C-alpha atoms as a PDB file:
ATOM      1  CA  UNK A   1      -7.850  18.364  -0.398  1.00  0.00           C
ATOM      2  CA  UNK A   2     -11.358  15.611  -0.724  1.00  0.00           C
ATOM      3  CA  UNK A   3     -13.832  17.719   0.276  1.00  0.00           C
ATOM      4  CA  UNK A   4     -14.817  16.369  -3.261  1.00  0.00           C
ATOM      5  CA  UNK A   5     -13.498  12.829  -3.443  1.00  0.00           C
ATOM      6  CA  UNK A   6     -15.783   9.960  -0.678  1.00  0.00           C
ATOM      7  CA  UNK A   7     -12.740   8.462   0.664  1.00  0.00           C
ATOM      8  CA  UNK A   8     -14.134   6.755   3.492  1.00  0.00           C
ATOM      9  CA  UNK A   9     -17.022   5.754   0.954  1.00  0.00           C
ATOM     10  CA  UNK A  10     -13.772   4.186  -1.467  1.00  0.00           C
ATOM     11  CA  UNK A  11     -12.091   2.613   1.410  1.00  0.00           C
ATOM     12  CA  UNK A  12     -15.231   1.160   3.059  1.00  0.00           C
ATOM     13  CA  UNK A  13     -15.571  -0.199  -0.346  1.00  0.00           C
ATOM     14  CA  UNK A  14     -12.090  -1.344  -0.731  1.00  0.00           C
ATOM     15  CA  UNK A  15     -12.081  -3.347   2.434  1.00  0.00           C
ATOM     16  CA  UNK A  16     -14.703  -4.708   1.973  1.00  0.00           C
ATOM     17  CA  UNK A  17     -14.307  -6.755  -1.046  1.00  0.00           C
ATOM     18  CA  UNK A  18     -10.329  -6.819  -0.158  1.00  0.00           C
ATOM     19  CA  UNK A  19     -11.119  -8.419   2.875  1.00  0.00           C
ATOM     20  CA  UNK A  20     -13.505 -10.566   2.378  1.00  0.00           C
ATOM     21  CA  UNK A  21     -13.655 -14.162   0.176  1.00  0.00           C
ATOM     22  CA  UNK A  22     -12.652 -14.839  -3.312  1.00  0.00           C
ATOM     23  CA  UNK A  23     -10.030 -16.238  -4.668  1.00  0.00           C
ATOM     24  CA  UNK A  24      -7.149 -14.477  -3.483  1.00  0.00           C
ATOM     25  CA  UNK A  25      -7.727 -14.813  -0.304  1.00  0.00           C
ATOM     26  CA  UNK A  26      -8.865 -18.705  -0.606  1.00  0.00           C
ATOM     27  CA  UNK A  27      -5.339 -19.723  -2.176  1.00  0.00           C
ATOM     28  CA  UNK A  28      -3.390 -17.044   0.431  1.00  0.00           C
ATOM     29  CA  UNK A  29      -5.706 -19.081   3.588  1.00  0.00           C
ATOM     30  CA  UNK A  30      -4.357 -22.515   1.227  1.00  0.00           C
ATOM     31  CA  UNK A  31      -0.798 -21.810   0.774  1.00  0.00           C
ATOM     32  CA  UNK A  32      -0.379 -20.193   3.964  1.00  0.00           C
ATOM     33  CA  UNK A  33      -1.895 -23.083   5.512  1.00  0.00           C
ATOM     34  CA  UNK A  34       0.177 -26.176   3.468  1.00  0.00           C
ATOM     35  CA  UNK A  35       3.807 -24.504   3.605  1.00  0.00           C
ATOM     36  CA  UNK A  36       3.959 -22.017   6.206  1.00  0.00           C
ATOM     37  CA  UNK A  37       4.269 -17.936   6.529  1.00  0.00           C
ATOM     38  CA  UNK A  38       7.221 -17.769   3.565  1.00  0.00           C
ATOM     39  CA  UNK A  39       4.953 -19.211   1.332  1.00  0.00           C
ATOM     40  CA  UNK A  40       1.942 -17.382   1.780  1.00  0.00           C
ATOM     41  CA  UNK A  41       3.554 -13.711   1.825  1.00  0.00           C
ATOM     42  CA  UNK A  42       5.134 -14.629  -1.296  1.00  0.00           C
ATOM     43  CA  UNK A  43       1.559 -14.995  -2.886  1.00  0.00           C
ATOM     44  CA  UNK A  44       0.722 -12.134  -0.722  1.00  0.00           C
ATOM     45  CA  UNK A  45       3.024 -10.185  -2.638  1.00  0.00           C
ATOM     46  CA  UNK A  46       1.676 -11.205  -5.717  1.00  0.00           C
ATOM     47  CA  UNK A  47      -1.552 -10.275  -6.019  1.00  0.00           C
ATOM     48  CA  UNK A  48      -1.181  -7.299  -4.009  1.00  0.00           C
ATOM     49  CA  UNK A  49       0.913  -6.125  -7.011  1.00  0.00           C
ATOM     50  CA  UNK A  50      -1.839  -6.987  -9.220  1.00  0.00           C
ATOM     51  CA  UNK A  51      -4.238  -5.277  -7.262  1.00  0.00           C
ATOM     52  CA  UNK A  52      -1.891  -2.310  -7.572  1.00  0.00           C
ATOM     53  CA  UNK A  53      -1.536  -3.067 -11.078  1.00  0.00           C
ATOM     54  CA  UNK A  54      -5.262  -2.775 -11.655  1.00  0.00           C
ATOM     55  CA  UNK A  55      -5.748   0.246  -8.771  1.00  0.00           C
ATOM     56  CA  UNK A  56      -3.628   2.989 -11.669  1.00  0.00           C
ATOM     57  CA  UNK A  57      -5.134   1.665 -14.337  1.00  0.00           C
ATOM     58  CA  UNK A  58      -8.442   2.448 -13.253  1.00  0.00           C
ATOM     59  CA  UNK A  59      -7.676   5.858 -11.726  1.00  0.00           C
ATOM     60  CA  UNK A  60      -6.118   6.864 -15.599  1.00  0.00           C
ATOM     61  CA  UNK A  61      -8.647   5.568 -17.529  1.00  0.00           C
ATOM     62  CA  UNK A  62     -11.733   6.745 -16.114  1.00  0.00           C
ATOM     63  CA  UNK A  63     -10.344  10.052 -14.568  1.00  0.00           C
ATOM     64  CA  UNK A  64      -9.718  10.551 -18.285  1.00  0.00           C
ATOM     65  CA  UNK A  65     -13.665   9.478 -19.559  1.00  0.00           C
ATOM     66  CA  UNK A  66     -15.591  10.916 -16.674  1.00  0.00           C
ATOM     67  CA  UNK A  67     -13.794  13.889 -17.446  1.00  0.00           C
ATOM     68  CA  UNK A  68     -14.724  14.040 -21.241  1.00  0.00           C
ATOM     69  CA  UNK A  69     -18.025  12.673 -20.688  1.00  0.00           C
ATOM     70  CA  UNK A  70     -20.080  13.445 -17.651  1.00  0.00           C
ATOM     71  CA  UNK A  71     -22.828  10.865 -17.813  1.00  0.00           C
ATOM     72  CA  UNK A  72     -20.054   7.911 -17.882  1.00  0.00           C
ATOM     73  CA  UNK A  73     -19.872   8.908 -14.404  1.00  0.00           C
ATOM     74  CA  UNK A  74     -23.632   7.783 -13.428  1.00  0.00           C
ATOM     75  CA  UNK A  75     -23.794   4.762 -15.764  1.00  0.00           C
ATOM     76  CA  UNK A  76     -20.217   3.358 -13.370  1.00  0.00           C
ATOM     77  CA  UNK A  77     -21.884   4.581 -10.941  1.00  0.00           C
ATOM     78  CA  UNK A  78     -24.981   2.251 -10.559  1.00  0.00           C
ATOM     79  CA  UNK A  79     -23.203  -0.736 -12.065  1.00  0.00           C
ATOM     80  CA  UNK A  80     -20.496   0.168  -9.179  1.00  0.00           C
ATOM     81  CA  UNK A  81     -23.627   0.087  -7.011  1.00  0.00           C
ATOM     82  CA  UNK A  82     -25.072  -3.391  -8.316  1.00  0.00           C
ATOM     83  CA  UNK A  83     -22.427  -4.925  -8.088  1.00  0.00           C
ATOM     84  CA  UNK A  84     -21.690  -4.372  -4.608  1.00  0.00           C
ATOM     85  CA  UNK A  85     -24.953  -5.610  -3.568  1.00  0.00           C
ATOM     86  CA  UNK A  86     -24.239  -8.283  -5.856  1.00  0.00           C
ATOM     87  CA  UNK A  87     -21.433  -8.998  -3.626  1.00  0.00           C
ATOM     88  CA  UNK A  88     -23.961  -8.537  -0.693  1.00  0.00           C
ATOM     89  CA  UNK A  89     -26.210 -11.652  -2.256  1.00  0.00           C
ATOM     90  CA  UNK A  90     -23.870 -13.933  -2.574  1.00  0.00           C
ATOM     91  CA  UNK A  91     -21.208 -13.511   1.052  1.00  0.00           C
ATOM     92  CA  UNK A  92     -25.586 -13.550   2.435  1.00  0.00           C
ATOM     93  CA  UNK A  93     -25.954 -17.055   0.067  1.00  0.00           C
ATOM     94  CA  UNK A  94     -23.000 -18.286   1.678  1.00  0.00           C
ATOM     95  CA  UNK A  95     -23.141 -17.154   4.760  1.00  0.00           C
ATOM     96  CA  UNK A  96     -26.215 -19.088   5.049  1.00  0.00           C
ATOM     97  CA  UNK A  97     -25.004 -22.129   4.217  1.00  0.00           C
ATOM     98  CA  UNK A  98     -23.180 -24.676   5.679  1.00  0.00           C
ATOM     99  CA  UNK A  99     -20.831 -26.022   2.689  1.00  0.00           C
ATOM    100  CA  UNK A 100     -17.787 -24.672   3.358  1.00  0.00           C
ATOM    101  CA  UNK A 101     -14.729 -23.080   0.879  1.00  0.00           C
ATOM    102  CA  UNK A 102     -12.200 -25.542   0.573  1.00  0.00           C
ATOM    103  CA  UNK A 103      -8.841 -23.416  -0.035  1.00  0.00           C
ATOM    104  CA  UNK A 104      -6.245 -24.551  -3.060  1.00  0.00           C
ATOM    105  CA  UNK A 105      -2.710 -24.159  -2.190  1.00  0.00           C
ATOM    106  CA  UNK A 106      -0.034 -23.040  -4.537  1.00  0.00           C
ATOM    107  CA  UNK A 107       3.641 -23.997  -4.292  1.00  0.00           C
ATOM    108  CA  UNK A 108       6.758 -23.883  -5.452  1.00  0.00           C
ATOM    109  CA  UNK A 109       9.589 -21.003  -5.179  1.00  0.00           C
ATOM    110  CA  UNK A 110       8.850 -17.616  -3.255  1.00  0.00           C
ATOM    111  CA  UNK A 111       9.939 -16.239  -7.446  1.00  0.00           C
ATOM    112  CA  UNK A 112       7.141 -18.375  -8.768  1.00  0.00           C
ATOM    113  CA  UNK A 113       4.881 -17.809  -5.663  1.00  0.00           C
ATOM    114  CA  UNK A 114       5.047 -13.579  -6.780  1.00  0.00           C
ATOM    115  CA  UNK A 115       4.566 -14.365  -9.979  1.00  0.00           C
ATOM    116  CA  UNK A 116       1.248 -16.863  -9.047  1.00  0.00           C
ATOM    117  CA  UNK A 117      -0.258 -14.157  -7.097  1.00  0.00           C
ATOM    118  CA  UNK A 118       0.068 -11.447  -9.524  1.00  0.00           C
ATOM    119  CA  UNK A 119      -1.294 -13.904 -12.225  1.00  0.00           C
ATOM    120  CA  UNK A 120      -3.811 -14.591  -9.925  1.00  0.00           C
ATOM    121  CA  UNK A 121      -5.004 -11.357  -9.114  1.00  0.00           C
ATOM    122  CA  UNK A 122      -4.508 -10.141 -13.271  1.00  0.00           C
ATOM    123  CA  UNK A 123      -7.528 -12.537 -13.896  1.00  0.00           C
ATOM    124  CA  UNK A 124      -9.623 -12.414 -11.332  1.00  0.00           C
ATOM    125  CA  UNK A 125     -12.901 -10.793 -12.899  1.00  0.00           C
ATOM    126  CA  UNK A 126     -13.538  -9.561  -9.164  1.00  0.00           C
ATOM    127  CA  UNK A 127     -10.768  -7.064  -8.908  1.00  0.00           C
ATOM    128  CA  UNK A 128     -11.272  -5.859 -12.076  1.00  0.00           C
ATOM    129  CA  UNK A 129     -14.500  -5.106 -11.968  1.00  0.00           C
ATOM    130  CA  UNK A 130     -14.366  -4.192  -8.511  1.00  0.00           C
ATOM    131  CA  UNK A 131     -11.502  -1.696  -9.420  1.00  0.00           C
ATOM    132  CA  UNK A 132     -13.186  -0.105 -12.325  1.00  0.00           C
ATOM    133  CA  UNK A 133     -16.634   0.508 -10.207  1.00  0.00           C
ATOM    134  CA  UNK A 134     -14.844   1.504  -7.072  1.00  0.00           C
ATOM    135  CA  UNK A 135     -12.530   5.062  -8.947  1.00  0.00           C
ATOM    136  CA  UNK A 136     -16.041   5.418 -11.150  1.00  0.00           C
ATOM    137  CA  UNK A 137     -17.646   5.557  -7.167  1.00  0.00           C
ATOM    138  CA  UNK A 138     -15.499   7.867  -5.748  1.00  0.00           C
ATOM    139  CA  UNK A 139     -13.556  10.012  -7.624  1.00  0.00           C
ATOM    140  CA  UNK A 140     -15.450  13.318  -9.167  1.00  0.00           C
ATOM    141  CA  UNK A 141     -14.374  13.550 -13.082  1.00  0.00           C
ATOM    142  CA  UNK A 142     -11.990  16.640 -11.895  1.00  0.00           C
ATOM    143  CA  UNK A 143      -9.511  14.429  -9.521  1.00  0.00           C
ATOM    144  CA  UNK A 144      -6.378  16.533 -10.233  1.00  0.00           C
ATOM    145  CA  UNK A 145      -3.382  13.708 -10.352  1.00  0.00           C
ATOM    146  CA  UNK A 146      -2.467  14.337  -6.805  1.00  0.00           C
ATOM    147  CA  UNK A 147      -5.782  12.995  -6.346  1.00  0.00           C
ATOM    148  CA  UNK A 148      -5.849   9.841  -7.634  1.00  0.00           C
ATOM    149  CA  UNK A 149      -1.799   9.064  -7.082  1.00  0.00           C
ATOM    150  CA  UNK A 150      -2.811   9.796  -3.283  1.00  0.00           C
ATOM    151  CA  UNK A 151      -6.382   6.972  -3.564  1.00  0.00           C
ATOM    152  CA  UNK A 152      -4.403   4.397  -5.259  1.00  0.00           C
ATOM    153  CA  UNK A 153      -1.258   4.954  -2.845  1.00  0.00           C
ATOM    154  CA  UNK A 154      -4.272   4.494   0.064  1.00  0.00           C
ATOM    155  CA  UNK A 155      -5.818   1.356  -1.156  1.00  0.00           C
ATOM    156  CA  UNK A 156      -2.627  -0.186  -1.978  1.00  0.00           C
ATOM    157  CA  UNK A 157      -1.511   0.583   1.499  1.00  0.00           C
ATOM    158  CA  UNK A 158      -4.899  -1.327   2.361  1.00  0.00           C
ATOM    159  CA  UNK A 159      -4.694  -4.171  -0.228  1.00  0.00           C
ATOM    160  CA  UNK A 160      -1.156  -4.811   1.389  1.00  0.00           C
ATOM    161  CA  UNK A 161      -2.284  -4.754   4.495  1.00  0.00           C
ATOM    162  CA  UNK A 162      -5.538  -7.451   4.331  1.00  0.00           C
ATOM    163  CA  UNK A 163      -3.322 -10.095   2.360  1.00  0.00           C
ATOM    164  CA  UNK A 164      -0.288  -9.934   4.114  1.00  0.00           C
ATOM    165  CA  UNK A 165      -1.897  -9.840   7.074  1.00  0.00           C
ATOM    166  CA  UNK A 166      -4.162 -13.012   5.449  1.00  0.00           C
ATOM    167  CA  UNK A 167      -0.834 -15.012   5.152  1.00  0.00           C
ATOM    168  CA  UNK A 168       0.369 -14.535   8.470  1.00  0.00           C
ATOM    169  CA  UNK A 169      -2.816 -15.605  10.138  1.00  0.00           C
ATOM    170  CA  UNK A 170      -3.842 -18.324   7.759  1.00  0.00           C
ATOM    171  CA  UNK A 171      -0.133 -19.796   8.675  1.00  0.00           C
ATOM    172  CA  UNK A 172      -1.508 -19.833  12.142  1.00  0.00           C
ATOM    173  CA  UNK A 173      -3.638 -23.532  12.754  1.00  0.00           C
ATOM    174  CA  UNK A 174      -5.627 -22.171  15.593  1.00  0.00           C
ATOM    175  CA  UNK A 175      -6.973 -18.690  13.873  1.00  0.00           C
ATOM    176  CA  UNK A 176      -7.277 -21.514  10.811  1.00  0.00           C
ATOM    177  CA  UNK A 177     -10.195 -23.389  12.994  1.00  0.00           C
ATOM    178  CA  UNK A 178     -10.959 -20.217  14.763  1.00  0.00           C
ATOM    179  CA  UNK A 179     -12.268 -18.783  10.806  1.00  0.00           C
ATOM    180  CA  UNK A 180     -13.822 -22.785  10.334  1.00  0.00           C
ATOM    181  CA  UNK A 181     -15.812 -21.830  13.016  1.00  0.00           C
ATOM    182  CA  UNK A 182     -17.109 -18.926  12.725  1.00  0.00           C
ATOM    183  CA  UNK A 183     -16.533 -18.312   8.575  1.00  0.00           C
ATOM    184  CA  UNK A 184     -20.749 -17.985   8.770  1.00  0.00           C
ATOM    185  CA  UNK A 185     -20.909 -15.070  11.267  1.00  0.00           C
ATOM    186  CA  UNK A 186     -17.732 -13.711   9.020  1.00  0.00           C
ATOM    187  CA  UNK A 187     -19.909 -13.934   5.537  1.00  0.00           C
ATOM    188  CA  UNK A 188     -23.078 -12.375   7.364  1.00  0.00           C
ATOM    189  CA  UNK A 189     -20.670  -9.265   8.447  1.00  0.00           C
ATOM    190  CA  UNK A 190     -19.595  -8.638   4.662  1.00  0.00           C
ATOM    191  CA  UNK A 191     -22.727  -9.328   3.202  1.00  0.00           C
ATOM    192  CA  UNK A 192     -24.072  -6.242   5.281  1.00  0.00           C
ATOM    193  CA  UNK A 193     -21.041  -3.816   4.316  1.00  0.00           C
ATOM    194  CA  UNK A 194     -21.443  -4.592   0.923  1.00  0.00           C
ATOM    195  CA  UNK A 195     -24.871  -4.011   0.989  1.00  0.00           C
ATOM    196  CA  UNK A 196     -24.985  -0.823   3.342  1.00  0.00           C
ATOM    197  CA  UNK A 197     -21.929   0.423   0.350  1.00  0.00           C
ATOM    198  CA  UNK A 198     -24.338  -0.009  -2.812  1.00  0.00           C
ATOM    199  CA  UNK A 199     -27.046   1.596  -0.470  1.00  0.00           C
ATOM    200  CA  UNK A 200     -25.181   4.754   0.419  1.00  0.00           C
ATOM    201  CA  UNK A 201     -23.892   5.259  -3.752  1.00  0.00           C
ATOM    202  CA  UNK A 202     -27.864   4.350  -4.871  1.00  0.00           C
ATOM    203  CA  UNK A 203     -28.054   8.092  -3.039  1.00  0.00           C
ATOM    204  CA  UNK A 204     -25.639   9.922  -2.910  1.00  0.00           C
ATOM    205  CA  UNK A 205     -26.998  11.503  -6.469  1.00  0.00           C
ATOM    206  CA  UNK A 206     -30.451  11.541  -4.645  1.00  0.00           C
ATOM    207  CA  UNK A 207     -28.269  14.200  -2.260  1.00  0.00           C
ATOM    208  CA  UNK A 208     -26.023  15.798  -4.269  1.00  0.00           C
ATOM    209  CA  UNK A 209     -29.606  16.838  -6.059  1.00  0.00           C
ATOM    210  CA  UNK A 210     -31.485  18.681  -2.988  1.00  0.00           C
END
């Protein structure tokens, strides 16, 4: 069923983008550290909903667009590769820097935190552009509705797992101290992951044409 879909590449790129430090992960870290597990999970649920919203919109919109205009696939492919390589550069620069990102905590009721998480991800440029490029990279223009739905659900489950795990982990003081110590290695690993994903995307057309 998924012979024409680069599902491992989609999931690898999605994991690297979701798990890498950014507005969502910093907000989760700060909120969980300051207000505990319940607050962190509420925020994570909102962020996950925002992620699923962009994922669904990108899958539906790009699927139709690529089916009507095959050249759009190649444009999105190279834009996506460029974006992943840019993320690799940012992660590498952060890994080489001794400056520590300061997480910001959100407060309020569970409903309020859910709404804040949703708004955070719906307005996050990283999420908007990433999901737009993700489906252009990993899905063929002929992908069926069933295939699109399965990929959206799989990426959604991955996002939910990562975001909620962050909320749980960053509510534990030992994890916070451990993350502070290994932050630069963590960033370096993501730099390598983003770089390999971007290079893989750039080589796909050459292999298909050989």
